[in-house]
Amino acid sequence: MHLQESGEMYLETILILSQKQDYVRAIDVSEEMNYSKPSVSRALKILRENSYINIDKDGHITLTKTGNEVAEKIYERHQVLSEILIRLGVDPEIATEDACRMEHVISDTSFAAIKKSINK
């Protein structure tokens, strides 16, 4: 199943939250993304049904291997694209917002070329 941009955003958010705190709950995702609890519940249900996340009996959310791979890929894109835009003189806040949009649509080929050029 190809994940939509919103699904990628949820996985990235869960990854980031899991790096900052011991466990991640739906309310944490809701607050971080500024989405309503019902919207987050629907999205998490879909992600769980498609094996991107697990939710234990206490409501703690963890990424599956597949979910983690997607989240890491999107997060890396976000970081690299933000850094490039900032280096080009874009205001950090705007760079972060633009990177957030770009990270979902850029092809693997183009992203690899960008990474290769900045690592020279």
Protein backbone atom coordinates (compact mmCIF):
# COMPACT_ATOMS: atom_id res chain seq x y z
CA MET A 1 0.00 0.00 0.00
CA HIS A 2 1.34 3.45 -0.91
CA LEU A 3 1.11 5.76 2.05
CA GLN A 4 -0.44 9.19 1.60
CA GLU A 5 1.41 12.32 2.67
CA SER A 6 -0.70 12.59 5.83
CA GLY A 7 0.24 9.04 6.83
CA GLU A 8 3.90 9.87 6.33
CA MET A 9 3.47 12.96 8.53
CA TYR A 10 1.93 10.86 11.31
CA LEU A 11 4.78 8.34 11.17
CA GLU A 12 7.38 11.10 11.18
CA THR A 13 5.66 12.74 14.18
CA ILE A 14 5.56 9.42 16.08
CA LEU A 15 9.28 8.93 15.35
CA ILE A 16 10.18 12.43 16.58
CA LEU A 17 8.04 12.10 19.71
CA SER A 18 9.52 8.66 20.49
CA GLN A 19 13.00 10.23 20.44
CA LYS A 20 11.92 12.85 23.01
CA GLN A 21 9.81 10.81 25.43
CA ASP A 22 9.47 7.29 26.84
CA TYR A 23 6.20 6.48 25.11
CA VAL A 24 3.87 8.05 22.56
CA ARG A 25 0.08 8.18 22.91
CA ALA A 26 -2.63 9.43 20.57
CA ILE A 27 -3.02 12.59 22.66
CA ASP A 28 0.69 13.37 22.19
CA VAL A 29 0.33 13.02 18.41
CA SER A 30 -2.82 15.15 18.47
CA GLU A 31 -1.10 17.93 20.43
CA GLU A 32 2.12 17.81 18.38
CA MET A 33 0.30 17.96 15.03
CA ASN A 34 -2.47 20.25 16.26
CA TYR A 35 -5.13 17.86 14.91
CA SER A 36 -8.39 16.86 16.59
CA LYS A 37 -8.44 13.65 18.61
CA PRO A 38 -11.04 12.02 16.28
CA SER A 39 -8.86 12.78 13.22
CA VAL A 40 -5.81 11.31 14.92
CA SER A 41 -7.77 8.23 16.04
CA ARG A 42 -8.94 7.56 12.46
CA ALA A 43 -5.43 7.98 11.06
CA LEU A 44 -3.86 5.75 13.72
CA LYS A 45 -6.48 3.07 13.07
CA ILE A 46 -5.57 3.05 9.36
CA LEU A 47 -1.84 2.99 10.14
CA ARG A 48 -2.36 0.08 12.54
CA GLU A 49 -4.52 -1.86 10.06
CA ASN A 50 -1.78 -1.45 7.45
CA SER A 51 0.96 -2.60 9.86
CA TYR A 52 2.83 0.71 10.15
CA ILE A 53 2.28 1.02 13.91
CA ASN A 54 1.39 -1.06 16.95
CA ILE A 55 -0.74 0.21 19.81
CA ASP A 56 -0.54 -1.70 23.08
CA LYS A 57 -3.26 -2.12 25.72
CA ASP A 58 -2.08 1.09 27.47
CA GLY A 59 -2.41 3.10 24.25
CA HIS A 60 1.34 3.35 23.69
CA ILE A 61 2.17 3.68 20.01
CA THR A 62 5.28 2.12 18.48
CA LEU A 63 6.41 2.01 14.87
CA THR A 64 6.68 -1.37 13.16
CA LYS A 65 9.78 -2.11 11.09
CA THR A 66 7.96 -0.85 7.98
CA GLY A 67 6.59 2.20 9.79
CA ASN A 68 10.02 3.06 11.12
CA GLU A 69 11.59 2.77 7.65
CA VAL A 70 9.03 5.22 6.21
CA ALA A 71 9.39 7.61 9.16
CA GLU A 72 13.21 7.59 8.99
CA LYS A 73 13.13 8.25 5.23
CA ILE A 74 10.76 11.21 5.59
CA TYR A 75 12.62 12.60 8.60
CA GLU A 76 15.96 12.42 6.80
CA ARG A 77 14.47 14.21 3.79
CA HIS A 78 13.06 16.90 6.08
CA GLN A 79 16.41 17.48 7.77
CA VAL A 80 18.47 17.53 4.57
CA LEU A 81 16.05 19.74 2.61
CA SER A 82 15.72 22.18 5.53
CA GLU A 83 19.49 22.39 5.86
CA ILE A 84 19.98 23.06 2.13
CA LEU A 85 17.36 25.81 2.08
CA ILE A 86 18.86 27.45 5.17
CA ARG A 87 22.34 27.29 3.60
CA LEU A 88 20.87 29.01 0.53
CA GLY A 89 19.79 31.89 2.77
CA VAL A 90 16.13 30.99 3.30
CA ASP A 91 14.73 32.02 6.69
CA PRO A 92 14.82 28.89 8.94
CA GLU A 93 11.07 28.94 9.61
CA ILE A 94 10.22 29.17 5.91
CA ALA A 95 12.89 26.56 5.07
CA THR A 96 11.33 24.13 7.55
CA GLU A 97 7.81 24.69 6.18
CA ASP A 98 8.97 24.27 2.57
CA ALA A 99 11.00 21.16 3.42
CA CYS A 100 7.89 19.72 5.06
CA ARG A 101 6.01 19.99 1.76
CA MET A 102 8.92 18.94 -0.45
CA GLU A 103 9.83 15.82 1.56
CA HIS A 104 6.66 14.04 0.43
CA VAL A 105 6.86 14.71 -3.30
CA ILE A 106 10.56 14.57 -4.18
CA SER A 107 11.59 11.38 -5.97
CA ASP A 108 14.15 9.00 -4.48
CA THR A 109 16.38 9.75 -7.49
CA SER A 110 16.33 13.52 -7.01
CA PHE A 111 16.80 13.25 -3.26
CA ALA A 112 19.80 10.92 -3.72
CA ALA A 113 21.33 13.45 -6.13
CA ILE A 114 20.81 16.29 -3.64
CA LYS A 115 22.37 14.25 -0.81
CA LYS A 116 25.31 13.31 -3.02
CA SER A 117 25.93 16.95 -3.98
CA ILE A 118 25.96 18.20 -0.37
CA ASN A 119 28.27 15.40 0.75
CA LYS A 120 30.98 16.46 -1.69
